[in-house]
Amino acid sequence: MSTELLRVSGSTIYTSLRWRYAAWLMQVRLAKQPTYIDQRALTNAIEAYWHPLHDIPPFDRLLNDLQQREGHWLTTLCRHPRAAHHPLKHLLLIGFLAPDIDTFLAIDPAPPPRSGNTNTTKPPYHDERLTRLSCLLEQEPMSLRQAAKCLGLSTNTVIILAQRLHISVKTRPKQLNTSTCRRLQTALVEPRRLIDIAKAHHTSLSTLYRLLATSPTTQALRRQSILARRRLTERTYLRYLRRRSRTTTWQQLRHQAPATCVWLSRHDQAWLGRFKSTLPHAKNCRRPVVDWQARDRAMVVALQKATLTLLSFQGKPLRISLPALAELIEHPDWLNKQLDKLPLTQIYLKEHLEPVSTFQQRRLNWFRQQSQKEMGHMPPDWLLRRLAGLP
């Protein structure tokens, strides 16, 4: 079949190949109309007809591609040619439809469908957007971008509509004249937003930025005017809060308007100092002072009781030391952290804390008395020192 196809003139077969496919598919009842083809039935029929070629390359890959649900090569082969297809694909379809090339070419191509509207004259174009655009451009001069924003359309759509209306839209000049530059520079000195200035003078933000970049004097004047307006706004707001309550203190104002107070303290400190001098002072809310003298006397009494407890212990003698006393009183942390505020306690500790030598002698005497009671005689000194745990 491929040899027969090569003998056929290219203009004979490729001129109406799409509609010839449609005629054959309508004849085998796989299409109802030239443009309505049952793709699923056609795919199943092709796979069943060429099943013996499933294991022969390259037909195996082409037939496996037909298992896709949509988008395979057979669906695009019968449509309007948008890309070139491999000749093997055409041969598979032609071989399924006809036994040879002459039989395939014997049938006449199906006529292409005609459009339902046979009237060649087009009705006049009516669009509500044309009317809205015409009214908008007649009211005031504006750019197409601004008109698109007002109409809620894209700029390209507005350009097309303007071309249909034959309206010459006046665009901004590529270069600004001297009077326009002076007018824009005067407007830039005012403390207004750049977007508002651009709308009022029918210009763009990029033009305003270029003017500011080329004029450092205009930049400085604009910063000063913006700073003056901000200073007046913050002062007015702080005076308003002051008038609402005459008893408002500076701490309360800082809590009510923290941003205003911070900005004025950074950029208007002189006026803020004069304003703060007119405010009432905050009441002294300090906690009552601790009576350390009373605590000192109470600590001395507690230490006396702890000392008597250590001395009256029935077992082996305990040394009167600072850790031992701290375990027997209510506030032991005062002895470590607040001792400099307790002078009487310092004197008592200096007098009653027991040195190591004194405690060892007292411990040795206690063991001497206990040995005499239990043994009936006085043991030697080396034995007493060993019992008392002394060197």
Protein backbone atom coordinates (compact mmCIF):
# COMPACT_ATOMS: atom_id res chain seq x y z
CA MET A 1 0.00 0.00 0.00
CA SER A 2 2.86 2.35 0.70
CA THR A 3 4.27 1.65 -2.78
CA GLU A 4 0.92 2.46 -4.37
CA LEU A 5 0.72 5.64 -2.30
CA LEU A 6 4.07 6.81 -3.60
CA ARG A 7 2.89 6.48 -7.23
CA VAL A 8 -0.11 8.73 -6.57
CA SER A 9 0.32 12.44 -7.18
CA GLY A 10 0.57 14.44 -3.93
CA SER A 11 -1.94 17.04 -5.03
CA THR A 12 -4.50 14.33 -5.77
CA ILE A 13 -4.61 12.81 -2.31
CA TYR A 14 -3.62 15.58 0.10
CA THR A 15 -5.95 18.31 -1.17
CA SER A 16 -9.09 16.82 0.37
CA LEU A 17 -7.72 14.09 2.66
CA ARG A 18 -9.74 15.20 5.66
CA TRP A 19 -13.07 15.12 3.84
CA ARG A 20 -12.17 11.84 2.11
CA TYR A 21 -11.67 10.31 5.57
CA ALA A 22 -15.05 11.73 6.59
CA ALA A 23 -16.76 10.18 3.53
CA TRP A 24 -15.35 6.72 4.28
CA LEU A 25 -16.21 6.96 7.97
CA MET A 26 -19.79 7.90 7.10
CA GLN A 27 -19.93 4.93 4.72
CA VAL A 28 -18.79 2.45 7.43
CA ARG A 29 -21.17 4.15 9.89
CA LEU A 30 -18.49 5.49 12.20
CA ALA A 31 -19.57 9.11 11.57
CA LYS A 32 -22.98 10.70 11.28
CA GLN A 33 -21.72 13.93 9.73
CA PRO A 34 -18.37 14.99 8.27
CA THR A 35 -17.52 16.79 11.53
CA TYR A 36 -19.18 14.36 13.93
CA ILE A 37 -17.06 11.20 14.28
CA ASP A 38 -17.54 8.51 16.90
CA GLN A 39 -13.95 8.51 18.13
CA ARG A 40 -14.39 5.68 20.65
CA ALA A 41 -15.91 3.31 18.10
CA LEU A 42 -13.27 4.25 15.54
CA THR A 43 -10.46 3.59 18.04
CA ASN A 44 -11.85 0.19 19.01
CA ALA A 45 -12.25 -0.78 15.36
CA ILE A 46 -8.68 0.27 14.47
CA GLU A 47 -7.25 -1.69 17.42
CA ALA A 48 -9.24 -4.81 16.51
CA TYR A 49 -8.30 -4.62 12.80
CA TRP A 50 -4.58 -4.12 13.35
CA HIS A 51 -4.27 -6.44 16.36
CA PRO A 52 -1.75 -8.76 14.56
CA LEU A 53 0.70 -5.80 14.44
CA HIS A 54 0.70 -5.21 18.20
CA ASP A 55 4.11 -6.84 18.68
CA ILE A 56 5.80 -5.42 15.60
CA PRO A 57 7.66 -2.12 15.96
CA PRO A 58 6.96 0.69 15.23
CA PHE A 59 3.27 -0.23 14.98
CA ASP A 60 3.21 -1.42 18.59
CA ARG A 61 3.88 2.11 19.87
CA LEU A 62 1.28 3.69 17.58
CA LEU A 63 -1.38 1.16 18.62
CA ASN A 64 -0.53 1.52 22.31
CA ASP A 65 -1.04 5.28 22.01
CA LEU A 66 -4.68 4.62 21.09
CA GLN A 67 -5.34 3.35 24.61
CA GLN A 68 -5.30 6.90 25.88
CA ARG A 69 -8.73 8.29 26.64
CA GLU A 70 -8.28 11.47 24.63
CA GLY A 71 -5.65 13.39 22.74
CA HIS A 72 -4.16 10.47 20.79
CA TRP A 73 -3.06 10.78 17.17
CA LEU A 74 -6.25 9.29 15.68
CA THR A 75 -8.43 12.13 17.00
CA THR A 76 -6.26 14.80 15.36
CA LEU A 77 -5.81 12.87 12.11
CA CYS A 78 -9.45 13.41 11.06
CA ARG A 79 -9.61 17.09 12.04
CA HIS A 80 -8.40 20.24 10.40
CA PRO A 81 -4.65 19.69 9.79
CA ARG A 82 -2.74 21.80 12.33
CA ALA A 83 0.46 19.76 12.20
CA ALA A 84 2.18 17.15 10.05
CA HIS A 85 1.54 13.47 10.88
CA HIS A 86 3.74 10.53 10.16
CA PRO A 87 2.77 8.65 6.96
CA LEU A 88 2.41 5.39 8.92
CA LYS A 89 -0.56 6.88 10.76
CA HIS A 90 -2.28 7.71 7.49
CA LEU A 91 -1.51 4.22 6.17
CA LEU A 92 -3.08 2.59 9.26
CA LEU A 93 -6.30 4.56 8.77
CA ILE A 94 -6.40 4.12 4.98
CA GLY A 95 -5.69 0.40 5.28
CA PHE A 96 -8.57 0.04 7.71
CA LEU A 97 -11.01 1.95 5.48
CA ALA A 98 -10.13 0.55 2.01
CA PRO A 99 -8.36 -2.52 0.63
CA ASP A 100 -6.06 -0.45 -1.62
CA ILE A 101 -5.25 3.13 -2.58
CA ASP A 102 -7.31 3.14 -5.80
CA THR A 103 -10.43 2.07 -3.92
CA PHE A 104 -9.74 4.73 -1.26
CA LEU A 105 -9.47 7.45 -3.91
CA ALA A 106 -12.52 6.22 -5.82
CA ILE A 107 -14.97 7.71 -3.34
CA ASP A 108 -15.74 11.42 -3.54
CA PRO A 109 -14.81 13.59 -0.54
CA ALA A 110 -17.61 14.61 1.77
CA PRO A 111 -18.73 18.19 1.27
CA PRO A 112 -17.62 20.48 4.09
CA PRO A 113 -20.43 21.80 6.26
CA ARG A 114 -21.75 25.25 5.48
CA SER A 115 -22.44 27.95 7.97
CA GLY A 116 -26.06 28.26 9.07
CA ASN A 117 -26.11 32.02 8.41
CA THR A 118 -26.11 32.55 4.66
CA ASN A 119 -26.60 36.30 4.91
CA THR A 120 -23.36 37.99 3.91
CA THR A 121 -24.27 41.33 5.41
CA LYS A 122 -23.35 41.53 9.07
CA PRO A 123 -25.74 43.25 11.47
CA PRO A 124 -24.54 46.45 13.02
CA TYR A 125 -22.37 45.94 16.09
CA HIS A 126 -24.07 47.03 19.30
CA ASP A 127 -22.11 47.09 22.53
CA GLU A 128 -23.04 48.86 25.71
CA ARG A 129 -19.36 49.43 26.45
CA LEU A 130 -19.05 51.65 23.38
CA THR A 131 -21.73 53.99 24.69
CA ARG A 132 -20.18 54.12 28.15
CA LEU A 133 -16.73 54.82 26.76
CA SER A 134 -18.00 57.54 24.43
CA CYS A 135 -19.80 59.33 27.28
CA LEU A 136 -16.79 59.02 29.58
CA LEU A 137 -14.30 60.47 27.09
CA GLU A 138 -16.63 63.34 26.18
CA GLN A 139 -17.01 64.41 29.83
CA GLU A 140 -13.34 65.07 30.60
CA PRO A 141 -9.98 64.36 28.96
CA MET A 142 -8.28 61.31 30.40
CA SER A 143 -5.90 58.60 29.34
CA LEU A 144 -7.04 55.22 28.13
CA ARG A 145 -5.62 53.63 31.26
CA GLN A 146 -7.77 55.86 33.47
CA ALA A 147 -10.82 55.18 31.31
CA ALA A 148 -10.20 51.44 31.57
CA LYS A 149 -10.03 51.73 35.34
CA CYS A 150 -13.31 53.64 35.47
CA LEU A 151 -15.09 51.13 33.22
CA GLY A 152 -13.56 48.08 34.88
CA LEU A 153 -11.97 46.90 31.63
CA SER A 154 -8.46 46.22 30.44
CA THR A 155 -6.46 48.86 28.61
CA ASN A 156 -6.32 46.81 25.41
CA THR A 157 -10.12 46.43 25.42
CA VAL A 158 -10.56 50.18 25.75
CA ILE A 159 -8.13 50.78 22.87
CA ILE A 160 -10.13 48.44 20.62
CA LEU A 161 -13.42 50.10 21.59
CA ALA A 162 -11.96 53.54 20.89
CA GLN A 163 -10.84 52.40 17.46
CA ARG A 164 -14.36 51.15 16.67
CA LEU A 165 -15.79 54.52 17.72
CA HIS A 166 -13.18 56.38 15.63
CA ILE A 167 -12.40 58.51 18.65
CA SER A 168 -9.01 60.16 18.79
CA VAL A 169 -8.01 59.95 22.41
CA LYS A 170 -5.56 62.61 23.47
CA THR A 171 -2.62 60.97 25.17
CA ARG A 172 -0.04 62.57 27.42
CA PRO A 173 2.86 64.22 25.62
CA LYS A 174 6.17 62.41 25.67
CA GLN A 175 7.91 65.54 26.98
CA LEU A 176 6.59 68.02 29.52
CA ASN A 177 6.76 71.71 28.77
CA THR A 178 8.08 74.30 31.21
CA SER A 179 4.67 75.43 32.51
CA THR A 180 3.58 71.84 33.20
CA CYS A 181 6.83 71.10 35.07
CA ARG A 182 6.39 74.20 37.25
CA ARG A 183 2.79 73.31 37.97
CA LEU A 184 3.76 69.76 38.97
CA GLN A 185 6.66 70.96 41.12
CA THR A 186 4.35 73.35 42.93
CA ALA A 187 1.92 70.51 43.55
CA LEU A 188 4.71 68.23 44.79
CA VAL A 189 5.67 70.73 47.48
CA GLU A 190 2.20 70.35 49.01
CA PRO A 191 1.81 67.56 51.62
CA ARG A 192 -0.49 65.43 49.44
CA ARG A 193 -0.26 61.86 48.29
CA LEU A 194 1.46 61.32 44.97
CA ILE A 195 -1.45 59.30 43.64
CA ASP A 196 -3.81 62.24 44.32
CA ILE A 197 -1.46 64.66 42.57
CA ALA A 198 -1.22 62.33 39.56
CA LYS A 199 -5.00 62.10 39.27
CA ALA A 200 -5.51 65.84 39.63
CA HIS A 201 -2.97 66.72 36.92
CA HIS A 202 -3.64 63.75 34.61
CA THR A 203 -0.13 62.39 34.80
CA SER A 204 1.54 59.19 35.93
CA LEU A 205 3.37 58.29 39.11
CA SER A 206 6.55 57.58 37.15
CA THR A 207 6.55 61.16 35.85
CA LEU A 208 6.27 62.52 39.39
CA TYR A 209 9.09 60.27 40.57
CA ARG A 210 11.31 61.50 37.75
CA LEU A 211 10.59 65.12 38.65
CA LEU A 212 11.45 64.47 42.29
CA ALA A 213 14.66 62.68 41.34
CA THR A 214 15.85 65.60 39.21
CA SER A 215 15.04 68.30 41.80
CA PRO A 216 16.63 67.90 45.29
CA THR A 217 15.13 71.26 46.31
CA THR A 218 11.62 69.96 45.63
CA GLN A 219 12.40 66.84 47.65
CA ALA A 220 13.56 68.89 50.64
CA LEU A 221 10.53 71.20 50.49
CA ARG A 222 8.18 68.20 50.22
CA ARG A 223 9.78 66.52 53.26
CA GLN A 224 9.43 69.73 55.26
CA SER A 225 5.77 70.17 54.33
CA ILE A 226 4.96 66.54 55.14
CA LEU A 227 6.79 66.86 58.47
CA ALA A 228 4.90 70.08 59.31
CA ARG A 229 1.55 68.49 58.52
CA ARG A 230 2.38 65.40 60.58
CA ARG A 231 3.54 67.59 63.47
CA LEU A 232 0.28 69.58 63.38
CA THR A 233 -1.79 66.39 63.25
CA GLU A 234 -0.04 64.76 66.20
CA ARG A 235 -0.18 67.94 68.30
CA THR A 236 -3.89 68.36 67.61
CA TYR A 237 -4.61 64.77 68.60
CA LEU A 238 -2.66 65.07 71.84
CA ARG A 239 -4.48 68.33 72.74
CA TYR A 240 -7.78 66.59 72.02
CA LEU A 241 -6.97 63.81 74.47
CA ARG A 242 -5.92 66.42 77.03
CA ARG A 243 -9.22 68.33 76.69
CA ARG A 244 -11.29 65.19 77.22
CA SER A 245 -9.93 64.80 80.74
CA ARG A 246 -8.09 67.51 82.62
CA THR A 247 -6.73 64.97 85.11
CA THR A 248 -4.95 62.94 82.44
CA THR A 249 -1.29 62.36 83.24
CA TRP A 250 1.56 61.76 80.85
CA GLN A 251 1.58 58.04 81.67
CA GLN A 252 -2.09 57.79 80.73
CA LEU A 253 -1.52 59.66 77.46
CA ARG A 254 1.29 57.30 76.54
CA HIS A 255 -1.07 54.39 77.12
CA GLN A 256 -3.87 55.96 75.02
CA ALA A 257 -1.73 57.17 72.09
CA PRO A 258 1.63 55.40 72.12
CA ALA A 259 2.49 56.09 68.46
CA THR A 260 1.75 59.81 68.78
CA CYS A 261 3.86 60.18 71.91
CA VAL A 262 6.79 58.30 70.39
CA TRP A 263 6.70 60.35 67.18
CA LEU A 264 6.57 63.67 69.06
CA SER A 265 9.40 62.61 71.38
CA ARG A 266 11.56 61.96 68.31
CA HIS A 267 10.62 64.88 66.03
CA ASP A 268 9.11 67.58 68.29
CA GLN A 269 10.76 67.19 71.66
CA ALA A 270 10.80 70.91 72.55
CA TRP A 271 7.03 71.32 72.17
CA LEU A 272 6.42 68.01 73.94
CA GLY A 273 8.45 69.20 76.93
CA ARG A 274 6.32 72.33 77.24
CA PHE A 275 3.15 70.28 76.85
CA LYS A 276 4.20 67.80 79.55
CA SER A 277 4.82 70.66 82.00
CA THR A 278 1.10 71.53 81.84
CA LEU A 279 -0.01 68.01 82.77
CA PRO A 280 -0.74 67.00 86.37
CA HIS A 281 1.84 64.85 88.05
CA ALA A 282 1.00 61.28 88.74
CA LYS A 283 0.21 60.35 92.30
CA ASN A 284 2.86 58.54 94.28
CA CYS A 285 1.76 54.93 94.15
CA ARG A 286 4.84 53.48 95.78
CA ARG A 287 4.40 50.64 98.18
CA PRO A 288 4.86 51.36 101.90
CA VAL A 289 8.45 51.30 103.11
CA VAL A 290 9.51 48.16 104.99
CA ASP A 291 10.17 48.70 108.72
CA TRP A 292 13.54 47.04 108.98
CA GLN A 293 14.02 48.11 112.58
CA ALA A 294 11.01 46.06 113.64
CA ARG A 295 12.24 43.16 111.56
CA ASP A 296 15.66 43.50 113.21
CA ARG A 297 14.19 43.23 116.69
CA ALA A 298 12.02 40.27 115.69
CA MET A 299 15.04 38.52 114.18
CA VAL A 300 17.04 38.92 117.41
CA VAL A 301 14.21 37.33 119.42
CA ALA A 302 14.00 34.44 116.90
CA LEU A 303 17.77 33.88 117.11
CA GLN A 304 17.64 33.80 120.94
CA LYS A 305 15.01 31.08 120.84
CA ALA A 306 17.02 29.13 118.25
CA THR A 307 20.17 29.41 120.40
CA LEU A 308 18.34 28.06 123.48
CA THR A 309 17.02 25.18 121.35
CA LEU A 310 20.52 24.21 120.24
CA LEU A 311 21.93 24.47 123.76
CA SER A 312 19.11 22.43 125.31
CA PHE A 313 19.49 19.54 122.88
CA GLN A 314 19.59 16.23 124.83
CA GLY A 315 21.90 14.34 122.52
CA LYS A 316 25.41 15.12 121.38
CA PRO A 317 26.11 18.85 121.44
CA LEU A 318 25.35 20.88 118.30
CA ARG A 319 27.44 23.82 117.24
CA ILE A 320 25.77 27.25 117.28
CA SER A 321 26.53 28.19 113.66
CA LEU A 322 24.78 30.35 111.07
CA PRO A 323 23.38 27.40 109.04
CA ALA A 324 22.08 25.73 112.22
CA LEU A 325 20.34 28.93 113.33
CA ALA A 326 18.89 29.51 109.84
CA GLU A 327 17.12 26.13 109.97
CA LEU A 328 15.24 27.15 113.13
CA ILE A 329 13.98 30.67 112.18
CA GLU A 330 11.09 31.80 109.92
CA HIS A 331 13.02 33.97 107.41
CA PRO A 332 16.45 32.41 106.91
CA ASP A 333 17.06 34.39 103.67
CA TRP A 334 17.30 37.62 105.69
CA LEU A 335 20.55 36.37 107.21
CA ASN A 336 22.12 35.99 103.73
CA LYS A 337 20.56 38.80 101.65
CA GLN A 338 19.37 41.49 104.06
CA LEU A 339 21.89 41.24 106.89
CA ASP A 340 23.26 44.73 106.17
CA LYS A 341 19.82 46.16 107.12
CA LEU A 342 19.75 44.32 110.47
CA PRO A 343 22.41 45.89 112.77
CA LEU A 344 21.12 44.31 116.01
CA THR A 345 21.17 40.90 114.36
CA GLN A 346 24.78 41.44 113.30
CA ILE A 347 25.78 42.26 116.89
CA TYR A 348 23.96 39.20 118.27
CA LEU A 349 25.58 36.86 115.76
CA LYS A 350 29.01 38.30 116.46
CA GLU A 351 28.55 37.61 120.17
CA HIS A 352 26.83 34.22 120.11
CA LEU A 353 28.20 32.34 117.12
CA GLU A 354 30.38 29.56 118.53
CA PRO A 355 33.96 29.16 117.25
CA VAL A 356 35.23 25.70 116.38
CA SER A 357 37.64 25.52 119.32
CA THR A 358 34.94 26.48 121.82
CA PHE A 359 32.53 23.91 120.37
CA GLN A 360 35.22 21.18 120.52
CA GLN A 361 35.91 21.93 124.19
CA ARG A 362 32.18 21.84 124.98
CA ARG A 363 31.80 18.55 123.14
CA LEU A 364 34.81 17.06 125.00
CA ASN A 365 33.34 18.08 128.37
CA TRP A 366 30.03 16.48 127.49
CA PHE A 367 31.67 13.15 126.63
CA ARG A 368 33.75 13.30 129.84
CA GLN A 369 30.56 13.66 131.93
CA GLN A 370 28.78 10.91 130.01
CA SER A 371 31.73 8.48 130.43
CA GLN A 372 31.96 9.11 134.17
CA LYS A 373 28.24 8.42 134.55
CA GLU A 374 28.29 5.24 132.53
CA MET A 375 31.72 3.78 133.45
CA GLY A 376 32.10 5.14 137.04
CA HIS A 377 35.66 6.41 136.47
CA MET A 378 37.45 8.92 134.27
CA PRO A 379 38.81 7.40 130.99
CA PRO A 380 42.12 8.57 129.55
CA ASP A 381 42.30 11.70 127.45
CA TRP A 382 43.08 9.92 124.15
CA LEU A 383 39.94 7.77 124.54
CA LEU A 384 37.78 10.82 125.26
CA ARG A 385 39.09 12.64 122.19
CA ARG A 386 38.37 9.59 120.05
CA LEU A 387 34.81 9.36 121.41
CA ALA A 388 34.28 13.09 120.80
CA GLY A 389 35.60 12.77 117.22
CA LEU A 390 38.47 15.17 117.84
CA PRO A 391 42.00 14.86 116.44
